[in-house]
PDB file of N, CA and C in Angstrom:
ATOM      1  N   MET A   1     -27.614 -17.073 -23.826  1.00  0.00           N
ATOM      2  CA  MET A   1     -27.519 -16.064 -22.705  1.00  0.00           C
ATOM      3  C   MET A   1     -26.451 -16.701 -21.844  1.00  0.00           C
ATOM      4  N   ASP A   2     -25.899 -18.024 -21.982  1.00  0.00           N
ATOM      5  CA  ASP A   2     -24.865 -18.707 -21.313  1.00  0.00           C
ATOM      6  C   ASP A   2     -23.418 -17.957 -21.551  1.00  0.00           C
ATOM      7  N   TYR A   3     -23.368 -17.351 -22.698  1.00  0.00           N
ATOM      8  CA  TYR A   3     -22.238 -16.677 -23.036  1.00  0.00           C
ATOM      9  C   TYR A   3     -22.123 -15.310 -21.966  1.00  0.00           C
ATOM     10  N   LEU A   4     -23.219 -14.691 -21.978  1.00  0.00           N
ATOM     11  CA  LEU A   4     -23.151 -13.483 -21.040  1.00  0.00           C
ATOM     12  C   LEU A   4     -22.772 -13.956 -19.534  1.00  0.00           C
ATOM     13  N   SER A   5     -23.311 -14.974 -19.006  1.00  0.00           N
ATOM     14  CA  SER A   5     -23.121 -15.394 -17.705  1.00  0.00           C
ATOM     15  C   SER A   5     -21.514 -15.665 -17.544  1.00  0.00           C
ATOM     16  N   ALA A   6     -20.985 -16.233 -18.636  1.00  0.00           N
ATOM     17  CA  ALA A   6     -19.635 -16.811 -18.468  1.00  0.00           C
ATOM     18  C   ALA A   6     -18.815 -15.547 -18.773  1.00  0.00           C
ATOM     19  N   LEU A   7     -19.067 -14.475 -19.292  1.00  0.00           N
ATOM     20  CA  LEU A   7     -18.237 -13.286 -19.520  1.00  0.00           C
ATOM     21  C   LEU A   7     -18.362 -12.272 -18.452  1.00  0.00           C
ATOM     22  N   LEU A   8     -19.436 -12.571 -17.722  1.00  0.00           N
ATOM     23  CA  LEU A   8     -19.710 -11.435 -16.657  1.00  0.00           C
ATOM     24  C   LEU A   8     -18.687 -11.419 -15.556  1.00  0.00           C
ATOM     25  N   PRO A   9     -18.254 -12.337 -15.006  1.00  0.00           N
ATOM     26  CA  PRO A   9     -17.326 -12.484 -13.868  1.00  0.00           C
ATOM     27  C   PRO A   9     -16.039 -11.869 -14.357  1.00  0.00           C
ATOM     28  N   PRO A  10     -15.352 -12.296 -15.568  1.00  0.00           N
ATOM     29  CA  PRO A  10     -14.045 -11.695 -15.941  1.00  0.00           C
ATOM     30  C   PRO A  10     -14.105 -10.382 -16.247  1.00  0.00           C
ATOM     31  N   VAL A  11     -15.192  -9.715 -16.646  1.00  0.00           N
ATOM     32  CA  VAL A  11     -15.426  -8.379 -16.967  1.00  0.00           C
ATOM     33  C   VAL A  11     -15.514  -7.590 -15.636  1.00  0.00           C
ATOM     34  N   VAL A  12     -16.275  -7.970 -14.696  1.00  0.00           N
ATOM     35  CA  VAL A  12     -16.422  -7.410 -13.404  1.00  0.00           C
ATOM     36  C   VAL A  12     -15.044  -7.418 -12.780  1.00  0.00           C
ATOM     37  N   MET A  13     -14.241  -8.390 -12.697  1.00  0.00           N
ATOM     38  CA  MET A  13     -12.814  -8.490 -12.067  1.00  0.00           C
ATOM     39  C   MET A  13     -12.091  -7.660 -12.882  1.00  0.00           C
ATOM     40  N   ALA A  14     -11.921  -7.535 -14.142  1.00  0.00           N
ATOM     41  CA  ALA A  14     -11.244  -6.659 -14.878  1.00  0.00           C
ATOM     42  C   ALA A  14     -11.500  -5.018 -14.590  1.00  0.00           C
ATOM     43  N   VAL A  15     -12.826  -4.627 -14.478  1.00  0.00           N
ATOM     44  CA  VAL A  15     -13.019  -3.235 -13.935  1.00  0.00           C
ATOM     45  C   VAL A  15     -12.499  -3.102 -12.667  1.00  0.00           C
ATOM     46  N   PHE A  16     -12.760  -3.973 -11.618  1.00  0.00           N
ATOM     47  CA  PHE A  16     -12.129  -3.833 -10.414  1.00  0.00           C
ATOM     48  C   PHE A  16     -10.868  -3.821 -10.366  1.00  0.00           C
ATOM     49  N   PHE A  17     -10.072  -4.576 -11.069  1.00  0.00           N
ATOM     50  CA  PHE A  17      -8.576  -4.468 -11.048  1.00  0.00           C
ATOM     51  C   PHE A  17      -8.088  -3.230 -11.474  1.00  0.00           C
ATOM     52  N   ILE A  18      -8.731  -2.714 -12.568  1.00  0.00           N
ATOM     53  CA  ILE A  18      -8.400  -1.262 -13.308  1.00  0.00           C
ATOM     54  C   ILE A  18      -8.631  -0.335 -12.258  1.00  0.00           C
ATOM     55  N   GLY A  19      -9.769  -0.226 -11.491  1.00  0.00           N
ATOM     56  CA  GLY A  19     -10.066   0.655 -10.534  1.00  0.00           C
ATOM     57  C   GLY A  19      -9.059   0.497  -9.322  1.00  0.00           C
ATOM     58  N   VAL A  20      -8.517  -0.567  -8.933  1.00  0.00           N
ATOM     59  CA  VAL A  20      -7.613  -0.698  -7.887  1.00  0.00           C
ATOM     60  C   VAL A  20      -6.134  -0.031  -8.386  1.00  0.00           C
ATOM     61  N   ILE A  21      -5.822  -0.493  -9.681  1.00  0.00           N
ATOM     62  CA  ILE A  21      -4.576   0.128 -10.257  1.00  0.00           C
ATOM     63  C   ILE A  21      -4.483   1.751 -10.162  1.00  0.00           C
ATOM     64  N   ARG A  22      -5.661   2.124 -10.701  1.00  0.00           N
ATOM     65  CA  ARG A  22      -6.041   3.725 -10.776  1.00  0.00           C
ATOM     66  C   ARG A  22      -5.798   4.378  -9.225  1.00  0.00           C
ATOM     67  N   VAL A  23      -6.394   3.832  -8.303  1.00  0.00           N
ATOM     68  CA  VAL A  23      -6.227   4.158  -6.974  1.00  0.00           C
ATOM     69  C   VAL A  23      -4.805   4.096  -6.494  1.00  0.00           C
ATOM     70  N   ILE A  24      -4.070   3.188  -6.881  1.00  0.00           N
ATOM     71  CA  ILE A  24      -2.866   3.026  -6.267  1.00  0.00           C
ATOM     72  C   ILE A  24      -1.722   4.058  -7.072  1.00  0.00           C
ATOM     73  N   VAL A  25      -2.142   4.365  -8.220  1.00  0.00           N
ATOM     74  CA  VAL A  25      -1.275   5.251  -9.005  1.00  0.00           C
ATOM     75  C   VAL A  25      -1.532   6.602  -8.490  1.00  0.00           C
ATOM     76  N   LYS A  26      -2.798   6.922  -8.269  1.00  0.00           N
ATOM     77  CA  LYS A  26      -3.180   8.252  -7.817  1.00  0.00           C
ATOM     78  C   LYS A  26      -2.681   8.671  -6.528  1.00  0.00           C
ATOM     79  N   THR A  27      -2.507   7.665  -5.664  1.00  0.00           N
ATOM     80  CA  THR A  27      -2.109   7.981  -4.330  1.00  0.00           C
ATOM     81  C   THR A  27      -0.647   7.876  -4.090  1.00  0.00           C
ATOM     82  N   GLN A  28       0.065   7.696  -5.033  1.00  0.00           N
ATOM     83  CA  GLN A  28       1.665   7.626  -5.108  1.00  0.00           C
ATOM     84  C   GLN A  28       1.988   8.992  -4.882  1.00  0.00           C
ATOM     85  N   GLY A  29       2.901   9.522  -4.150  1.00  0.00           N
ATOM     86  CA  GLY A  29       3.519  10.908  -4.086  1.00  0.00           C
ATOM     87  C   GLY A  29       2.431  11.878  -3.783  1.00  0.00           C
ATOM     88  N   GLY A  30       2.483  13.010  -4.162  1.00  0.00           N
ATOM     89  CA  GLY A  30       1.411  14.271  -4.128  1.00  0.00           C
ATOM     90  C   GLY A  30       1.775  14.844  -2.789  1.00  0.00           C
ATOM     91  N   ALA A  31       0.722  15.478  -2.318  1.00  0.00           N
ATOM     92  CA  ALA A  31       0.866  16.422  -1.127  1.00  0.00           C
ATOM     93  C   ALA A  31       1.013  15.614   0.196  1.00  0.00           C
ATOM     94  N   GLN A  32       0.551  14.457   0.400  1.00  0.00           N
ATOM     95  CA  GLN A  32       0.602  13.716   1.494  1.00  0.00           C
ATOM     96  C   GLN A  32       1.930  12.815   1.457  1.00  0.00           C
ATOM     97  N   LYS A  33       2.631  12.896   0.520  1.00  0.00           N
ATOM     98  CA  LYS A  33       4.011  11.935   0.507  1.00  0.00           C
ATOM     99  C   LYS A  33       4.754  12.387   1.746  1.00  0.00           C
ATOM    100  N   ALA A  34       5.110  13.649   1.886  1.00  0.00           N
ATOM    101  CA  ALA A  34       5.997  14.027   3.050  1.00  0.00           C
ATOM    102  C   ALA A  34       5.469  13.522   4.408  1.00  0.00           C
ATOM    103  N   LYS A  35       4.160  13.823   4.541  1.00  0.00           N
ATOM    104  CA  LYS A  35       3.432  13.559   5.755  1.00  0.00           C
ATOM    105  C   LYS A  35       3.617  12.013   6.090  1.00  0.00           C
ATOM    106  N   GLU A  36       3.365  11.076   5.065  1.00  0.00           N
ATOM    107  CA  GLU A  36       3.379   9.646   5.262  1.00  0.00           C
ATOM    108  C   GLU A  36       4.792   9.237   5.475  1.00  0.00           C
ATOM    109  N   ASP A  37       5.863   9.819   4.776  1.00  0.00           N
ATOM    110  CA  ASP A  37       7.057   9.491   4.974  1.00  0.00           C
ATOM    111  C   ASP A  37       7.629   9.855   6.338  1.00  0.00           C
ATOM    112  N   ALA A  38       7.190  10.980   7.022  1.00  0.00           N
ATOM    113  CA  ALA A  38       7.531  11.345   8.293  1.00  0.00           C
ATOM    114  C   ALA A  38       6.953  10.380   9.376  1.00  0.00           C
ATOM    115  N   ALA A  39       5.742   9.944   9.014  1.00  0.00           N
ATOM    116  CA  ALA A  39       5.112   8.992   9.928  1.00  0.00           C
ATOM    117  C   ALA A  39       5.638   7.604  10.080  1.00  0.00           C
ATOM    118  N   VAL A  40       6.262   7.076   8.837  1.00  0.00           N
ATOM    119  CA  VAL A  40       6.923   6.017   8.762  1.00  0.00           C
ATOM    120  C   VAL A  40       8.247   6.009   9.397  1.00  0.00           C
ATOM    121  N   ASP A  41       9.121   7.186   9.252  1.00  0.00           N
ATOM    122  CA  ASP A  41      10.242   7.402   9.854  1.00  0.00           C
ATOM    123  C   ASP A  41      10.096   7.310  11.320  1.00  0.00           C
ATOM    124  N   ALA A  42       9.049   8.119  12.033  1.00  0.00           N
ATOM    125  CA  ALA A  42       8.731   8.164  13.193  1.00  0.00           C
ATOM    126  C   ALA A  42       8.628   6.730  13.820  1.00  0.00           C
ATOM    127  N   ALA A  43       7.608   5.915  13.180  1.00  0.00           N
ATOM    128  CA  ALA A  43       7.440   4.618  13.723  1.00  0.00           C
ATOM    129  C   ALA A  43       8.784   3.701  13.741  1.00  0.00           C
ATOM    130  N   LEU A  44       9.536   3.892  12.620  1.00  0.00           N
ATOM    131  CA  LEU A  44      10.849   3.202  12.657  1.00  0.00           C
ATOM    132  C   LEU A  44      11.772   3.590  13.770  1.00  0.00           C
ATOM    133  N   LYS A  45      11.832   4.943  14.154  1.00  0.00           N
ATOM    134  CA  LYS A  45      12.646   5.433  15.143  1.00  0.00           C
ATOM    135  C   LYS A  45      12.132   4.900  16.347  1.00  0.00           C
ATOM    136  N   ARG A  46      10.884   4.795  16.729  1.00  0.00           N
ATOM    137  CA  ARG A  46      10.312   4.148  17.934  1.00  0.00           C
ATOM    138  C   ARG A  46      10.638   2.830  18.023  1.00  0.00           C
ATOM    139  N   VAL A  47      10.622   1.910  17.036  1.00  0.00           N
ATOM    140  CA  VAL A  47      10.927   0.547  17.030  1.00  0.00           C
ATOM    141  C   VAL A  47      12.329   0.420  17.310  1.00  0.00           C
ATOM    142  N   GLU A  48      13.168   1.093  16.806  1.00  0.00           N
ATOM    143  CA  GLU A  48      14.789   1.031  17.080  1.00  0.00           C
ATOM    144  C   GLU A  48      15.071   1.564  18.402  1.00  0.00           C
ATOM    145  N   SER A  49      14.397   2.414  18.965  1.00  0.00           N
ATOM    146  CA  SER A  49      14.846   2.922  20.194  1.00  0.00           C
ATOM    147  C   SER A  49      14.173   1.988  21.243  1.00  0.00           C
ATOM    148  N   ALA A  50      13.214   1.225  21.037  1.00  0.00           N
ATOM    149  CA  ALA A  50      12.697   0.327  21.849  1.00  0.00           C
ATOM    150  C   ALA A  50      13.515  -0.970  21.853  1.00  0.00           C
ATOM    151  N   ARG A  51      14.396  -1.270  21.062  1.00  0.00           N
ATOM    152  CA  ARG A  51      15.322  -2.550  21.090  1.00  0.00           C
ATOM    153  C   ARG A  51      16.365  -2.395  22.151  1.00  0.00           C
ATOM    154  N   PRO A  52      16.516  -3.267  22.913  1.00  0.00           N
ATOM    155  CA  PRO A  52      17.543  -3.356  23.921  1.00  0.00           C
ATOM    156  C   PRO A  52      18.911  -3.253  23.309  1.00  0.00           C
ATOM    157  N   ALA A  53      19.811  -2.574  23.858  1.00  0.00           N
ATOM    158  CA  ALA A  53      21.156  -2.448  23.369  1.00  0.00           C
ATOM    159  C   ALA A  53      22.071  -3.829  23.686  1.00  0.00           C
ATOM    160  N   THR A  54      22.759  -4.324  22.657  1.00  0.00           N
ATOM    161  CA  THR A  54      23.443  -5.608  23.070  1.00  0.00           C
ATOM    162  C   THR A  54      24.894  -5.185  23.237  1.00  0.00           C
ATOM    163  N   GLY A  55      25.773  -6.124  23.619  1.00  0.00           N
ATOM    164  CA  GLY A  55      27.178  -5.755  23.962  1.00  0.00           C
ATOM    165  C   GLY A  55      27.915  -5.341  22.732  1.00  0.00           C
ATOM    166  N   ALA A  56      27.467  -6.062  21.674  1.00  0.00           N
ATOM    167  CA  ALA A  56      28.263  -5.739  20.384  1.00  0.00           C
ATOM    168  C   ALA A  56      28.058  -4.510  19.811  1.00  0.00           C
ATOM    169  N   ASP A  57      26.862  -3.864  20.024  1.00  0.00           N
ATOM    170  CA  ASP A  57      26.369  -2.538  19.520  1.00  0.00           C
ATOM    171  C   ASP A  57      27.067  -1.534  20.327  1.00  0.00           C
ATOM    172  N   ALA A  58      27.295  -1.536  21.644  1.00  0.00           N
ATOM    173  CA  ALA A  58      27.568  -0.465  22.575  1.00  0.00           C
ATOM    174  C   ALA A  58      29.097  -0.316  22.514  1.00  0.00           C
TER     175      ALA A  58
END
């Protein structure tokens, strides 16, 4: 039974890893992609507009 206790952690980690990869692949693109892209663009625009203008940029 020692071999079972030695094999259990790698098998559990492999199943978990496969599950994580499947979730990542399934959430790429799709209907929410445009909404997520718009949220990122809005956040970037807020950060850029909050930056003080320097003499070299003006």
